[in-house]
PDB file of N, CA and C in Angstrom:
ATOM      1  N   MET A   1     -11.997 -27.779   8.752  1.00  0.00           N
ATOM      2  CA  MET A   1     -13.303 -28.264   9.480  1.00  0.00           C
ATOM      3  C   MET A   1     -13.352 -29.646   9.299  1.00  0.00           C
ATOM      4  N   THR A   2     -13.659 -30.357  10.393  1.00  0.00           N
ATOM      5  CA  THR A   2     -13.737 -31.953  10.364  1.00  0.00           C
ATOM      6  C   THR A   2     -15.109 -32.198   9.976  1.00  0.00           C
ATOM      7  N   VAL A   3     -15.313 -33.550   9.810  1.00  0.00           N
ATOM      8  CA  VAL A   3     -16.733 -34.089   9.487  1.00  0.00           C
ATOM      9  C   VAL A   3     -17.573 -33.824  10.772  1.00  0.00           C
ATOM     10  N   ASP A   4     -17.055 -33.957  11.993  1.00  0.00           N
ATOM     11  CA  ASP A   4     -17.851 -33.723  13.206  1.00  0.00           C
ATOM     12  C   ASP A   4     -18.211 -32.298  13.329  1.00  0.00           C
ATOM     13  N   ASP A   5     -17.336 -31.312  12.767  1.00  0.00           N
ATOM     14  CA  ASP A   5     -17.734 -29.818  12.820  1.00  0.00           C
ATOM     15  C   ASP A   5     -18.767 -29.682  11.796  1.00  0.00           C
ATOM     16  N   ASP A   6     -18.749 -30.269  10.720  1.00  0.00           N
ATOM     17  CA  ASP A   6     -19.646 -30.083   9.561  1.00  0.00           C
ATOM     18  C   ASP A   6     -21.143 -30.694  10.121  1.00  0.00           C
ATOM     19  N   ASP A   7     -20.990 -31.827  10.783  1.00  0.00           N
ATOM     20  CA  ASP A   7     -22.145 -32.512  11.288  1.00  0.00           C
ATOM     21  C   ASP A   7     -22.763 -31.641  12.385  1.00  0.00           C
ATOM     22  N   ARG A   8     -22.016 -31.084  13.181  1.00  0.00           N
ATOM     23  CA  ARG A   8     -22.509 -30.120  14.194  1.00  0.00           C
ATOM     24  C   ARG A   8     -23.097 -28.870  13.618  1.00  0.00           C
ATOM     25  N   ASP A   9     -22.546 -28.357  12.529  1.00  0.00           N
ATOM     26  CA  ASP A   9     -22.986 -27.142  11.932  1.00  0.00           C
ATOM     27  C   ASP A   9     -24.318 -27.377  11.261  1.00  0.00           C
ATOM     28  N   ALA A  10     -24.511 -28.604  10.596  1.00  0.00           N
ATOM     29  CA  ALA A  10     -25.759 -28.856  10.087  1.00  0.00           C
ATOM     30  C   ALA A  10     -26.887 -29.133  11.071  1.00  0.00           C
ATOM     31  N   VAL A  11     -26.494 -29.767  12.238  1.00  0.00           N
ATOM     32  CA  VAL A  11     -27.463 -30.006  13.230  1.00  0.00           C
ATOM     33  C   VAL A  11     -27.899 -28.679  13.824  1.00  0.00           C
ATOM     34  N   LEU A  12     -26.891 -27.771  14.053  1.00  0.00           N
ATOM     35  CA  LEU A  12     -27.167 -26.424  14.707  1.00  0.00           C
ATOM     36  C   LEU A  12     -28.187 -25.621  13.754  1.00  0.00           C
ATOM     37  N   HIS A  13     -27.946 -25.695  12.457  1.00  0.00           N
ATOM     38  CA  HIS A  13     -28.763 -25.035  11.387  1.00  0.00           C
ATOM     39  C   HIS A  13     -30.238 -25.565  11.555  1.00  0.00           C
ATOM     40  N   LYS A  14     -30.382 -26.954  11.618  1.00  0.00           N
ATOM     41  CA  LYS A  14     -31.867 -27.258  11.678  1.00  0.00           C
ATOM     42  C   LYS A  14     -32.479 -26.928  13.081  1.00  0.00           C
ATOM     43  N   LEU A  15     -31.663 -27.084  14.152  1.00  0.00           N
ATOM     44  CA  LEU A  15     -32.165 -26.674  15.257  1.00  0.00           C
ATOM     45  C   LEU A  15     -32.723 -25.042  15.435  1.00  0.00           C
ATOM     46  N   ILE A  16     -31.827 -24.399  14.866  1.00  0.00           N
ATOM     47  CA  ILE A  16     -32.141 -23.011  14.862  1.00  0.00           C
ATOM     48  C   ILE A  16     -33.582 -22.601  14.057  1.00  0.00           C
ATOM     49  N   ALA A  17     -33.643 -23.391  12.843  1.00  0.00           N
ATOM     50  CA  ALA A  17     -34.728 -23.205  12.160  1.00  0.00           C
ATOM     51  C   ALA A  17     -35.973 -23.841  12.783  1.00  0.00           C
ATOM     52  N   PHE A  18     -35.807 -24.852  13.522  1.00  0.00           N
ATOM     53  CA  PHE A  18     -36.969 -25.493  14.292  1.00  0.00           C
ATOM     54  C   PHE A  18     -37.337 -24.594  15.363  1.00  0.00           C
ATOM     55  N   VAL A  19     -36.509 -24.073  16.213  1.00  0.00           N
ATOM     56  CA  VAL A  19     -36.917 -23.214  17.215  1.00  0.00           C
ATOM     57  C   VAL A  19     -37.645 -21.910  16.694  1.00  0.00           C
ATOM     58  N   ARG A  20     -36.996 -21.333  15.674  1.00  0.00           N
ATOM     59  CA  ARG A  20     -37.582 -20.116  15.116  1.00  0.00           C
ATOM     60  C   ARG A  20     -38.881 -20.282  14.555  1.00  0.00           C
ATOM     61  N   GLY A  21     -39.069 -21.381  13.861  1.00  0.00           N
ATOM     62  CA  GLY A  21     -40.346 -21.712  13.155  1.00  0.00           C
ATOM     63  C   GLY A  21     -41.438 -22.186  14.012  1.00  0.00           C
ATOM     64  N   GLU A  22     -40.960 -23.023  15.196  1.00  0.00           N
ATOM     65  CA  GLU A  22     -42.039 -23.714  15.922  1.00  0.00           C
ATOM     66  C   GLU A  22     -42.171 -23.261  17.343  1.00  0.00           C
ATOM     67  N   LEU A  23     -41.082 -22.717  18.028  1.00  0.00           N
ATOM     68  CA  LEU A  23     -41.273 -22.452  19.412  1.00  0.00           C
ATOM     69  C   LEU A  23     -41.269 -20.834  19.690  1.00  0.00           C
ATOM     70  N   LEU A  24     -40.755 -20.123  18.857  1.00  0.00           N
ATOM     71  CA  LEU A  24     -40.758 -18.548  19.156  1.00  0.00           C
ATOM     72  C   LEU A  24     -41.886 -17.933  18.464  1.00  0.00           C
ATOM     73  N   PRO A  25     -42.424 -16.921  19.169  1.00  0.00           N
ATOM     74  CA  PRO A  25     -43.306 -15.970  18.410  1.00  0.00           C
ATOM     75  C   PRO A  25     -42.511 -15.163  17.394  1.00  0.00           C
ATOM     76  N   GLU A  26     -43.019 -14.832  16.316  1.00  0.00           N
ATOM     77  CA  GLU A  26     -42.371 -13.982  15.230  1.00  0.00           C
ATOM     78  C   GLU A  26     -41.530 -12.907  15.670  1.00  0.00           C
ATOM     79  N   PRO A  27     -42.040 -11.968  16.542  1.00  0.00           N
ATOM     80  CA  PRO A  27     -41.232 -10.783  16.894  1.00  0.00           C
ATOM     81  C   PRO A  27     -39.985 -11.250  17.653  1.00  0.00           C
ATOM     82  N   GLU A  28     -39.886 -12.408  18.419  1.00  0.00           N
ATOM     83  CA  GLU A  28     -38.819 -12.811  19.277  1.00  0.00           C
ATOM     84  C   GLU A  28     -37.715 -13.455  18.295  1.00  0.00           C
ATOM     85  N   ALA A  29     -38.058 -13.840  17.183  1.00  0.00           N
ATOM     86  CA  ALA A  29     -37.289 -14.733  16.344  1.00  0.00           C
ATOM     87  C   ALA A  29     -36.030 -14.001  15.827  1.00  0.00           C
ATOM     88  N   ASP A  30     -36.116 -12.708  15.676  1.00  0.00           N
ATOM     89  CA  ASP A  30     -34.999 -11.946  15.036  1.00  0.00           C
ATOM     90  C   ASP A  30     -33.880 -11.983  16.028  1.00  0.00           C
ATOM     91  N   GLY A  31     -34.008 -11.765  17.212  1.00  0.00           N
ATOM     92  CA  GLY A  31     -32.837 -11.677  18.240  1.00  0.00           C
ATOM     93  C   GLY A  31     -32.335 -12.997  18.753  1.00  0.00           C
ATOM     94  N   PHE A  32     -32.927 -14.109  18.211  1.00  0.00           N
ATOM     95  CA  PHE A  32     -32.550 -15.569  18.555  1.00  0.00           C
ATOM     96  C   PHE A  32     -31.311 -15.983  17.870  1.00  0.00           C
ATOM     97  N   GLY A  33     -30.498 -16.711  18.641  1.00  0.00           N
ATOM     98  CA  GLY A  33     -29.127 -17.285  17.944  1.00  0.00           C
ATOM     99  C   GLY A  33     -28.802 -18.534  18.739  1.00  0.00           C
ATOM    100  N   PRO A  34     -27.693 -19.088  18.223  1.00  0.00           N
ATOM    101  CA  PRO A  34     -27.201 -20.373  18.897  1.00  0.00           C
ATOM    102  C   PRO A  34     -26.806 -20.238  20.290  1.00  0.00           C
ATOM    103  N   ASP A  35     -26.464 -19.081  20.644  1.00  0.00           N
ATOM    104  CA  ASP A  35     -25.945 -18.935  22.189  1.00  0.00           C
ATOM    105  C   ASP A  35     -27.168 -18.389  23.063  1.00  0.00           C
ATOM    106  N   THR A  36     -28.235 -18.059  22.544  1.00  0.00           N
ATOM    107  CA  THR A  36     -29.441 -17.550  23.245  1.00  0.00           C
ATOM    108  C   THR A  36     -29.728 -18.650  24.339  1.00  0.00           C
ATOM    109  N   SER A  37     -29.958 -18.242  25.582  1.00  0.00           N
ATOM    110  CA  SER A  37     -30.271 -19.176  26.686  1.00  0.00           C
ATOM    111  C   SER A  37     -31.642 -19.561  26.447  1.00  0.00           C
ATOM    112  N   LEU A  38     -31.879 -20.872  26.326  1.00  0.00           N
ATOM    113  CA  LEU A  38     -33.215 -21.529  26.137  1.00  0.00           C
ATOM    114  C   LEU A  38     -33.993 -21.517  27.359  1.00  0.00           C
ATOM    115  N   VAL A  39     -33.358 -21.703  28.580  1.00  0.00           N
ATOM    116  CA  VAL A  39     -34.093 -21.821  29.808  1.00  0.00           C
ATOM    117  C   VAL A  39     -34.400 -20.480  30.346  1.00  0.00           C
ATOM    118  N   GLU A  40     -33.254 -19.652  30.462  1.00  0.00           N
ATOM    119  CA  GLU A  40     -33.434 -18.263  31.179  1.00  0.00           C
ATOM    120  C   GLU A  40     -34.423 -17.420  30.277  1.00  0.00           C
ATOM    121  N   SER A  41     -34.455 -17.441  28.943  1.00  0.00           N
ATOM    122  CA  SER A  41     -35.296 -16.734  28.093  1.00  0.00           C
ATOM    123  C   SER A  41     -36.634 -17.194  28.199  1.00  0.00           C
ATOM    124  N   GLY A  42     -36.873 -18.346  28.784  1.00  0.00           N
ATOM    125  CA  GLY A  42     -38.399 -18.940  28.829  1.00  0.00           C
ATOM    126  C   GLY A  42     -38.762 -19.604  27.531  1.00  0.00           C
ATOM    127  N   ILE A  43     -37.785 -19.811  26.534  1.00  0.00           N
ATOM    128  CA  ILE A  43     -38.150 -20.511  25.359  1.00  0.00           C
ATOM    129  C   ILE A  43     -38.508 -22.035  25.753  1.00  0.00           C
ATOM    130  N   LEU A  44     -37.793 -22.597  26.535  1.00  0.00           N
ATOM    131  CA  LEU A  44     -38.060 -24.041  26.956  1.00  0.00           C
ATOM    132  C   LEU A  44     -38.761 -24.139  28.254  1.00  0.00           C
ATOM    133  N   LYS A  45     -39.989 -24.416  28.054  1.00  0.00           N
ATOM    134  CA  LYS A  45     -40.897 -24.903  29.253  1.00  0.00           C
ATOM    135  C   LYS A  45     -41.227 -26.330  29.031  1.00  0.00           C
ATOM    136  N   SER A  46     -42.020 -26.949  29.769  1.00  0.00           N
ATOM    137  CA  SER A  46     -42.168 -28.330  29.720  1.00  0.00           C
ATOM    138  C   SER A  46     -42.800 -28.724  28.404  1.00  0.00           C
ATOM    139  N   LEU A  47     -43.780 -28.215  27.779  1.00  0.00           N
ATOM    140  CA  LEU A  47     -44.363 -28.563  26.527  1.00  0.00           C
ATOM    141  C   LEU A  47     -43.247 -28.267  25.365  1.00  0.00           C
ATOM    142  N   GLU A  48     -42.663 -27.241  25.498  1.00  0.00           N
ATOM    143  CA  GLU A  48     -41.704 -26.914  24.446  1.00  0.00           C
ATOM    144  C   GLU A  48     -40.500 -27.965  24.442  1.00  0.00           C
ATOM    145  N   THR A  49     -40.098 -28.250  25.687  1.00  0.00           N
ATOM    146  CA  THR A  49     -39.063 -29.325  25.759  1.00  0.00           C
ATOM    147  C   THR A  49     -39.465 -30.685  25.123  1.00  0.00           C
ATOM    148  N   ALA A  50     -40.637 -30.995  25.384  1.00  0.00           N
ATOM    149  CA  ALA A  50     -41.295 -32.197  24.868  1.00  0.00           C
ATOM    150  C   ALA A  50     -41.172 -32.132  23.247  1.00  0.00           C
ATOM    151  N   ARG A  51     -41.597 -30.956  22.672  1.00  0.00           N
ATOM    152  CA  ARG A  51     -41.650 -30.800  21.310  1.00  0.00           C
ATOM    153  C   ARG A  51     -40.167 -30.885  20.715  1.00  0.00           C
ATOM    154  N   LEU A  52     -39.218 -30.296  21.508  1.00  0.00           N
ATOM    155  CA  LEU A  52     -37.785 -30.261  21.130  1.00  0.00           C
ATOM    156  C   LEU A  52     -37.251 -31.791  21.049  1.00  0.00           C
ATOM    157  N   LEU A  53     -37.627 -32.514  22.072  1.00  0.00           N
ATOM    158  CA  LEU A  53     -37.176 -33.900  22.290  1.00  0.00           C
ATOM    159  C   LEU A  53     -37.787 -34.695  21.110  1.00  0.00           C
ATOM    160  N   ALA A  54     -39.076 -34.459  20.729  1.00  0.00           N
ATOM    161  CA  ALA A  54     -39.649 -35.214  19.532  1.00  0.00           C
ATOM    162  C   ALA A  54     -39.043 -34.830  18.309  1.00  0.00           C
ATOM    163  N   PHE A  55     -38.639 -33.534  18.077  1.00  0.00           N
ATOM    164  CA  PHE A  55     -37.963 -33.026  16.938  1.00  0.00           C
ATOM    165  C   PHE A  55     -36.530 -33.860  16.812  1.00  0.00           C
ATOM    166  N   LEU A  56     -35.708 -33.894  17.851  1.00  0.00           N
ATOM    167  CA  LEU A  56     -34.509 -34.554  17.909  1.00  0.00           C
ATOM    168  C   LEU A  56     -34.566 -36.024  17.580  1.00  0.00           C
ATOM    169  N   HIS A  57     -35.604 -36.649  18.005  1.00  0.00           N
ATOM    170  CA  HIS A  57     -35.888 -38.061  17.464  1.00  0.00           C
ATOM    171  C   HIS A  57     -36.217 -38.100  16.065  1.00  0.00           C
ATOM    172  N   ARG A  58     -37.202 -37.407  15.719  1.00  0.00           N
ATOM    173  CA  ARG A  58     -37.675 -37.453  14.330  1.00  0.00           C
ATOM    174  C   ARG A  58     -36.586 -37.054  13.398  1.00  0.00           C
ATOM    175  N   GLU A  59     -35.988 -35.858  13.547  1.00  0.00           N
ATOM    176  CA  GLU A  59     -34.952 -35.322  12.683  1.00  0.00           C
ATOM    177  C   GLU A  59     -33.647 -36.007  12.606  1.00  0.00           C
ATOM    178  N   PHE A  60     -33.116 -36.273  13.859  1.00  0.00           N
ATOM    179  CA  PHE A  60     -31.786 -36.835  13.913  1.00  0.00           C
ATOM    180  C   PHE A  60     -31.649 -38.374  14.237  1.00  0.00           C
ATOM    181  N   GLY A  61     -32.788 -38.918  14.652  1.00  0.00           N
ATOM    182  CA  GLY A  61     -32.839 -40.267  15.017  1.00  0.00           C
ATOM    183  C   GLY A  61     -32.304 -40.689  16.280  1.00  0.00           C
ATOM    184  N   VAL A  62     -32.179 -39.594  17.264  1.00  0.00           N
ATOM    185  CA  VAL A  62     -31.559 -39.900  18.611  1.00  0.00           C
ATOM    186  C   VAL A  62     -32.777 -39.615  19.679  1.00  0.00           C
ATOM    187  N   ARG A  63     -32.613 -40.404  20.706  1.00  0.00           N
ATOM    188  CA  ARG A  63     -33.574 -40.317  21.791  1.00  0.00           C
ATOM    189  C   ARG A  63     -32.532 -39.901  23.035  1.00  0.00           C
ATOM    190  N   VAL A  64     -32.900 -38.906  23.725  1.00  0.00           N
ATOM    191  CA  VAL A  64     -32.160 -38.368  24.771  1.00  0.00           C
ATOM    192  C   VAL A  64     -32.538 -39.184  26.027  1.00  0.00           C
ATOM    193  N   PRO A  65     -31.512 -39.997  26.626  1.00  0.00           N
ATOM    194  CA  PRO A  65     -31.690 -40.761  27.678  1.00  0.00           C
ATOM    195  C   PRO A  65     -31.913 -39.830  28.897  1.00  0.00           C
ATOM    196  N   PRO A  66     -32.541 -40.450  29.972  1.00  0.00           N
ATOM    197  CA  PRO A  66     -32.871 -39.599  31.226  1.00  0.00           C
ATOM    198  C   PRO A  66     -31.570 -38.854  31.679  1.00  0.00           C
ATOM    199  N   ALA A  67     -30.352 -39.433  31.656  1.00  0.00           N
ATOM    200  CA  ALA A  67     -29.248 -38.849  32.184  1.00  0.00           C
ATOM    201  C   ALA A  67     -28.802 -37.477  31.157  1.00  0.00           C
ATOM    202  N   GLY A  68     -29.264 -37.666  30.080  1.00  0.00           N
ATOM    203  CA  GLY A  68     -28.977 -36.487  29.170  1.00  0.00           C
ATOM    204  C   GLY A  68     -29.929 -35.301  29.207  1.00  0.00           C
ATOM    205  N   LEU A  69     -30.864 -35.462  30.023  1.00  0.00           N
ATOM    206  CA  LEU A  69     -31.985 -34.402  30.214  1.00  0.00           C
ATOM    207  C   LEU A  69     -31.392 -33.279  31.219  1.00  0.00           C
ATOM    208  N   ALA A  70     -30.212 -33.309  31.576  1.00  0.00           N
ATOM    209  CA  ALA A  70     -29.620 -32.222  32.468  1.00  0.00           C
ATOM    210  C   ALA A  70     -29.664 -30.905  31.765  1.00  0.00           C
ATOM    211  N   ARG A  71     -30.075 -29.846  32.588  1.00  0.00           N
ATOM    212  CA  ARG A  71     -30.226 -28.520  32.058  1.00  0.00           C
ATOM    213  C   ARG A  71     -29.067 -28.053  31.370  1.00  0.00           C
ATOM    214  N   ARG A  72     -27.930 -28.414  31.747  1.00  0.00           N
ATOM    215  CA  ARG A  72     -26.784 -27.891  30.947  1.00  0.00           C
ATOM    216  C   ARG A  72     -26.781 -28.336  29.465  1.00  0.00           C
ATOM    217  N   ASN A  73     -27.320 -29.431  29.151  1.00  0.00           N
ATOM    218  CA  ASN A  73     -27.402 -29.899  27.865  1.00  0.00           C
ATOM    219  C   ASN A  73     -28.413 -29.101  26.992  1.00  0.00           C
ATOM    220  N   PHE A  74     -29.208 -28.316  27.543  1.00  0.00           N
ATOM    221  CA  PHE A  74     -30.321 -27.545  26.989  1.00  0.00           C
ATOM    222  C   PHE A  74     -30.262 -26.148  27.180  1.00  0.00           C
ATOM    223  N   GLU A  75     -29.057 -25.682  27.660  1.00  0.00           N
ATOM    224  CA  GLU A  75     -28.889 -24.282  28.032  1.00  0.00           C
ATOM    225  C   GLU A  75     -28.955 -23.351  26.720  1.00  0.00           C
ATOM    226  N   ASN A  76     -28.401 -23.833  25.657  1.00  0.00           N
ATOM    227  CA  ASN A  76     -28.611 -23.044  24.284  1.00  0.00           C
ATOM    228  C   ASN A  76     -28.476 -24.129  23.211  1.00  0.00           C
ATOM    229  N   LEU A  77     -28.720 -23.668  21.932  1.00  0.00           N
ATOM    230  CA  LEU A  77     -28.717 -24.661  20.967  1.00  0.00           C
ATOM    231  C   LEU A  77     -27.372 -25.159  20.555  1.00  0.00           C
ATOM    232  N   GLY A  78     -26.288 -24.465  20.889  1.00  0.00           N
ATOM    233  CA  GLY A  78     -25.075 -25.110  20.651  1.00  0.00           C
ATOM    234  C   GLY A  78     -24.775 -26.255  21.581  1.00  0.00           C
ATOM    235  N   ARG A  79     -25.291 -26.151  22.815  1.00  0.00           N
ATOM    236  CA  ARG A  79     -25.185 -27.433  23.774  1.00  0.00           C
ATOM    237  C   ARG A  79     -26.143 -28.534  23.200  1.00  0.00           C
ATOM    238  N   VAL A  80     -27.208 -28.173  22.727  1.00  0.00           N
ATOM    239  CA  VAL A  80     -28.215 -29.201  22.117  1.00  0.00           C
ATOM    240  C   VAL A  80     -27.536 -29.961  20.933  1.00  0.00           C
ATOM    241  N   ALA A  81     -26.934 -29.101  20.032  1.00  0.00           N
ATOM    242  CA  ALA A  81     -26.150 -29.712  18.851  1.00  0.00           C
ATOM    243  C   ALA A  81     -25.082 -30.576  19.246  1.00  0.00           C
ATOM    244  N   ASP A  82     -24.274 -30.206  20.391  1.00  0.00           N
ATOM    245  CA  ASP A  82     -23.196 -31.051  20.908  1.00  0.00           C
ATOM    246  C   ASP A  82     -23.848 -32.307  21.443  1.00  0.00           C
ATOM    247  N   LEU A  83     -24.968 -32.364  22.121  1.00  0.00           N
ATOM    248  CA  LEU A  83     -25.605 -33.458  22.613  1.00  0.00           C
ATOM    249  C   LEU A  83     -25.999 -34.559  21.496  1.00  0.00           C
ATOM    250  N   VAL A  84     -26.687 -33.817  20.465  1.00  0.00           N
ATOM    251  CA  VAL A  84     -27.081 -34.540  19.355  1.00  0.00           C
ATOM    252  C   VAL A  84     -25.995 -35.265  18.687  1.00  0.00           C
ATOM    253  N   VAL A  85     -24.809 -34.532  18.401  1.00  0.00           N
ATOM    254  CA  VAL A  85     -23.698 -35.113  17.750  1.00  0.00           C
ATOM    255  C   VAL A  85     -23.004 -36.230  18.626  1.00  0.00           C
ATOM    256  N   SER A  86     -22.970 -36.084  19.923  1.00  0.00           N
ATOM    257  CA  SER A  86     -22.397 -37.215  20.755  1.00  0.00           C
ATOM    258  C   SER A  86     -23.273 -38.370  20.833  1.00  0.00           C
ATOM    259  N   LEU A  87     -24.653 -38.181  20.949  1.00  0.00           N
ATOM    260  CA  LEU A  87     -25.767 -39.321  20.905  1.00  0.00           C
ATOM    261  C   LEU A  87     -25.602 -40.108  19.487  1.00  0.00           C
ATOM    262  N   ARG A  88     -25.559 -39.302  18.434  1.00  0.00           N
ATOM    263  CA  ARG A  88     -25.296 -40.007  17.137  1.00  0.00           C
ATOM    264  C   ARG A  88     -24.129 -40.839  17.007  1.00  0.00           C
ATOM    265  N   ALA A  89     -22.765 -40.366  17.639  1.00  0.00           N
ATOM    266  CA  ALA A  89     -21.591 -40.953  17.449  1.00  0.00           C
ATOM    267  C   ALA A  89     -21.705 -42.216  18.346  1.00  0.00           C
ATOM    268  N   ALA A  90     -22.417 -42.320  19.426  1.00  0.00           N
ATOM    269  CA  ALA A  90     -22.520 -43.411  20.205  1.00  0.00           C
ATOM    270  C   ALA A  90     -23.584 -44.493  19.585  1.00  0.00           C
ATOM    271  N   ALA A  91     -24.324 -44.079  18.747  1.00  0.00           N
ATOM    272  CA  ALA A  91     -25.340 -45.068  18.154  1.00  0.00           C
ATOM    273  C   ALA A  91     -24.837 -45.679  16.840  1.00  0.00           C
ATOM    274  N   PRO A  92     -25.254 -46.875  16.610  1.00  0.00           N
ATOM    275  CA  PRO A  92     -24.913 -47.537  15.408  1.00  0.00           C
ATOM    276  C   PRO A  92     -25.700 -46.900  14.172  1.00  0.00           C
ATOM    277  N   GLY A  93     -25.246 -47.102  12.968  1.00  0.00           N
ATOM    278  CA  GLY A  93     -25.873 -46.565  11.908  1.00  0.00           C
ATOM    279  C   GLY A  93     -25.434 -45.318  11.326  1.00  0.00           C
ATOM    280  N   PRO A  94     -25.997 -44.753  10.169  1.00  0.00           N
ATOM    281  CA  PRO A  94     -25.565 -43.543   9.544  1.00  0.00           C
ATOM    282  C   PRO A  94     -25.510 -42.290  10.496  1.00  0.00           C
ATOM    283  N   ARG A  95     -24.429 -41.592  10.310  1.00  0.00           N
ATOM    284  CA  ARG A  95     -24.372 -40.488  11.334  1.00  0.00           C
ATOM    285  C   ARG A  95     -24.303 -39.111  10.616  1.00  0.00           C
ATOM    286  N   SER A  96     -24.483 -39.043   9.386  1.00  0.00           N
ATOM    287  CA  SER A  96     -24.402 -37.641   8.730  1.00  0.00           C
ATOM    288  C   SER A  96     -25.779 -37.039   8.711  1.00  0.00           C
ATOM    289  N   VAL A  97     -25.762 -35.768   8.701  1.00  0.00           N
ATOM    290  CA  VAL A  97     -27.000 -35.083   8.551  1.00  0.00           C
ATOM    291  C   VAL A  97     -27.092 -34.322   7.259  1.00  0.00           C
ATOM    292  N   GLU A  98     -28.127 -34.429   6.544  1.00  0.00           N
ATOM    293  CA  GLU A  98     -28.188 -33.743   5.157  1.00  0.00           C
ATOM    294  C   GLU A  98     -28.028 -32.248   5.427  1.00  0.00           C
ATOM    295  N   HIS A  99     -27.236 -31.578   4.623  1.00  0.00           N
ATOM    296  CA  HIS A  99     -27.165 -30.144   4.611  1.00  0.00           C
ATOM    297  C   HIS A  99     -28.253 -29.562   3.700  1.00  0.00           C
ATOM    298  N   SER A 100     -28.886 -28.607   4.304  1.00  0.00           N
ATOM    299  CA  SER A 100     -29.997 -27.825   3.682  1.00  0.00           C
ATOM    300  C   SER A 100     -29.359 -26.812   2.782  1.00  0.00           C
ATOM    301  N   PRO A 101     -29.829 -26.507   1.595  1.00  0.00           N
ATOM    302  CA  PRO A 101     -29.225 -25.478   0.739  1.00  0.00           C
ATOM    303  C   PRO A 101     -29.536 -24.085   1.349  1.00  0.00           C
TER     304      PRO A 101
END
């Protein structure tokens, strides 16, 4: 596993925790995973998308540019994690994500 893979896994772990804790009603959280469609399942609507974007900035220090707001980047949390890793790689400064125990 490479550093990028470790970073992506850490990002994905934090994204899953955020969506389960902040965007999903409790009964729906059990069936949710990294490949669950965020758009088709109705998890991401306008307000939830804004909350997710704020979380990405606060937690990972990335701002998604207008070109990055394409639906394909938010199809599922695996794609969101890929977007975060690519934005962090393109930005100057520290790139690691602290691993939660």
